[in-house]
Amino acid sequence: MHPPIRSTREQLVQTLRFELGAVVLIAPAYSWATGSAMAESLTLFLALTVVDMSWLAIYNSVFDRIEYRCLKRLASERPPAMRVVHCCGHELTVLLLSCPVIVALTELGWGQALVTDLVLALVYAAYGYPFHLLFDRCRPVVRSAAGGEFDHAAG
């Protein structure tokens, strides 16, 4: 039997909503803070979104499976301390993938890109914690009536 994690469709919904919210909230703030044009900021954040979306689906699946195997706990039952571990783990691992994108799409050198990426990781983690808490409250993982598959609750 597979561990009770979100379906592929539900993971896609979660990832798309997370990234859309991040672009809408964080790209304008980045543009303002750095003095870059909004078009440049949006280009950077859309590129970072593609990187992050690709990684987030994999990361969430692996994290959820490990958490279930080790603790027999569903993602929607994750306590606050483990949510912090989940957010920080994701941001630290995506840092390795996103720093080269920042260098390629901005005029920043590697050191400046790393600092920028670390700040963005903190911002995304601060955004990610309430996002995932709210998402899990609104769409908890439940066993479906037909055949033991797992998905979100209806409603």
Protein backbone atom coordinates (compact mmCIF):
# COMPACT_ATOMS: atom_id res chain seq x y z
CA MET A 1 0.00 0.00 0.00
CA HIS A 2 1.27 3.47 -0.88
CA PRO A 3 1.66 6.03 1.91
CA PRO A 4 -1.21 8.51 2.21
CA ILE A 5 0.09 11.52 0.32
CA ARG A 6 -1.59 13.97 -2.00
CA SER A 7 -2.46 12.81 -5.50
CA THR A 8 -0.39 14.13 -8.39
CA ARG A 9 -3.27 16.43 -9.34
CA GLU A 10 -3.53 17.78 -5.80
CA GLN A 11 0.24 18.32 -5.62
CA LEU A 12 0.01 20.32 -8.85
CA VAL A 13 -2.81 22.45 -7.42
CA GLN A 14 -0.75 23.05 -4.28
CA THR A 15 2.38 23.97 -6.21
CA LEU A 16 0.61 26.29 -8.68
CA ARG A 17 -1.19 28.15 -5.90
CA PHE A 18 2.03 28.48 -3.89
CA GLU A 19 4.01 29.88 -6.81
CA LEU A 20 1.27 32.20 -8.06
CA GLY A 21 0.93 33.69 -4.59
CA ALA A 22 4.69 34.10 -4.32
CA VAL A 23 5.01 35.90 -7.68
CA VAL A 24 2.09 38.21 -6.87
CA LEU A 25 3.41 39.07 -3.40
CA ILE A 26 7.19 38.92 -3.68
CA ALA A 27 8.09 40.09 -7.22
CA PRO A 28 6.74 43.64 -6.68
CA ALA A 29 8.52 43.85 -3.31
CA TYR A 30 11.77 42.70 -4.96
CA SER A 31 11.37 45.29 -7.72
CA TRP A 32 10.85 48.04 -5.15
CA ALA A 33 13.70 46.89 -2.86
CA THR A 34 16.29 46.54 -5.64
CA GLY A 35 15.16 49.38 -7.89
CA SER A 36 14.86 46.98 -10.80
CA ALA A 37 12.13 47.37 -13.39
CA MET A 38 8.97 45.38 -12.74
CA ALA A 39 9.44 43.52 -16.06
CA GLU A 40 12.93 42.39 -14.97
CA SER A 41 11.61 41.37 -11.56
CA LEU A 42 8.76 39.40 -13.10
CA THR A 43 11.13 37.68 -15.56
CA LEU A 44 13.41 36.66 -12.71
CA PHE A 45 10.56 35.42 -10.54
CA LEU A 46 8.89 33.50 -13.36
CA ALA A 47 12.21 31.74 -14.04
CA LEU A 48 12.64 31.05 -10.33
CA THR A 49 9.06 29.76 -10.28
CA VAL A 50 9.81 27.19 -12.99
CA VAL A 51 12.84 25.99 -11.02
CA ASP A 52 10.95 25.95 -7.75
CA MET A 53 7.83 24.25 -9.13
CA SER A 54 9.91 21.48 -10.58
CA TRP A 55 11.70 20.94 -7.28
CA LEU A 56 8.73 21.54 -4.94
CA ALA A 57 6.66 18.65 -6.29
CA ILE A 58 9.60 16.27 -5.86
CA TYR A 59 10.53 17.67 -2.44
CA ASN A 60 6.96 17.48 -1.09
CA SER A 61 6.50 13.90 -2.29
CA VAL A 62 9.79 12.75 -0.76
CA PHE A 63 9.25 14.67 2.50
CA ASP A 64 5.66 13.40 2.84
CA ARG A 65 6.71 9.79 2.19
CA ILE A 66 9.58 9.95 4.68
CA GLU A 67 7.39 11.60 7.31
CA TYR A 68 4.70 8.97 6.85
CA ARG A 69 7.13 6.04 6.92
CA CYS A 70 8.98 7.31 9.98
CA LEU A 71 6.15 8.93 11.95
CA LYS A 72 2.95 7.52 10.37
CA ARG A 73 1.72 11.10 10.04
CA LEU A 74 -0.17 12.71 7.13
CA ALA A 75 1.11 16.01 5.72
CA SER A 76 -2.10 17.75 6.79
CA GLU A 77 -1.44 16.60 10.39
CA ARG A 78 2.09 18.07 10.47
CA PRO A 79 2.77 19.95 13.73
CA PRO A 80 4.27 23.47 13.77
CA ALA A 81 7.89 22.40 14.44
CA MET A 82 7.84 19.94 11.53
CA ARG A 83 6.30 22.64 9.30
CA VAL A 84 9.33 24.80 10.05
CA VAL A 85 11.64 21.89 9.15
CA HIS A 86 9.65 21.33 5.94
CA CYS A 87 9.81 25.01 4.89
CA CYS A 88 13.47 25.49 5.75
CA GLY A 89 14.50 22.21 4.12
CA HIS A 90 12.78 23.19 0.91
CA GLU A 91 14.31 26.67 0.84
CA LEU A 92 17.82 25.38 1.58
CA THR A 93 17.68 22.75 -1.14
CA VAL A 94 16.15 25.03 -3.79
CA LEU A 95 18.95 27.51 -3.08
CA LEU A 96 21.34 25.24 -4.94
CA LEU A 97 19.12 25.36 -8.02
CA SER A 98 18.08 29.01 -7.96
CA CYS A 99 21.39 30.81 -7.38
CA PRO A 100 22.66 30.10 -10.92
CA VAL A 101 19.36 31.45 -12.31
CA ILE A 102 19.82 34.71 -10.40
CA VAL A 103 23.36 35.06 -11.77
CA ALA A 104 22.18 34.37 -15.32
CA LEU A 105 19.22 36.79 -15.26
CA THR A 106 20.63 39.70 -13.28
CA GLU A 107 23.83 41.69 -13.22
CA LEU A 108 24.73 40.20 -9.84
CA GLY A 109 27.93 38.27 -9.25
CA TRP A 110 27.95 34.94 -7.44
CA GLY A 111 28.41 36.46 -3.97
CA GLN A 112 25.63 39.02 -4.44
CA ALA A 113 23.37 36.37 -5.98
CA LEU A 114 23.96 34.10 -3.00
CA VAL A 115 23.04 36.87 -0.55
CA THR A 116 19.97 37.73 -2.65
CA ASP A 117 19.00 34.07 -2.80
CA LEU A 118 19.40 33.68 0.99
CA VAL A 119 17.16 36.69 1.60
CA LEU A 120 14.61 35.32 -0.86
CA ALA A 121 14.79 31.93 0.88
CA LEU A 122 13.90 33.61 4.19
CA VAL A 123 11.04 35.51 2.54
CA TYR A 124 9.74 32.36 0.83
CA ALA A 125 10.00 30.37 4.07
CA ALA A 126 8.06 33.08 5.91
CA TYR A 127 5.44 32.90 3.14
CA GLY A 128 5.56 29.10 2.87
CA TYR A 129 4.72 28.34 6.48
CA PRO A 130 1.30 30.07 6.53
CA PHE A 131 0.58 29.04 2.94
CA HIS A 132 1.04 25.31 3.63
CA LEU A 133 -0.77 25.52 6.97
CA LEU A 134 -3.76 27.16 5.30
CA PHE A 135 -3.64 24.78 2.33
CA ASP A 136 -3.59 21.74 4.62
CA ARG A 137 -6.49 23.13 6.65
CA CYS A 138 -8.55 23.83 3.52
CA ARG A 139 -7.58 20.67 1.64
CA PRO A 140 -6.52 17.95 4.12
CA VAL A 141 -5.31 14.55 2.92
CA VAL A 142 -8.01 11.89 3.37
CA ARG A 143 -8.60 8.31 2.25
CA SER A 144 -11.12 8.15 -0.60
CA ALA A 145 -14.09 5.83 -0.37
CA ALA A 146 -13.10 3.95 -3.51
CA GLY A 147 -10.06 1.75 -3.30
CA GLY A 148 -7.82 3.26 -0.68
CA GLU A 149 -6.35 6.07 -2.78
CA PHE A 150 -5.54 9.28 -0.95
CA ASP A 151 -6.51 12.79 -1.94
CA HIS A 152 -7.85 16.00 -0.45
CA ALA A 153 -11.15 16.32 1.36
CA ALA A 154 -14.11 17.40 -0.73
CA GLY A 155 -15.29 20.93 -0.24
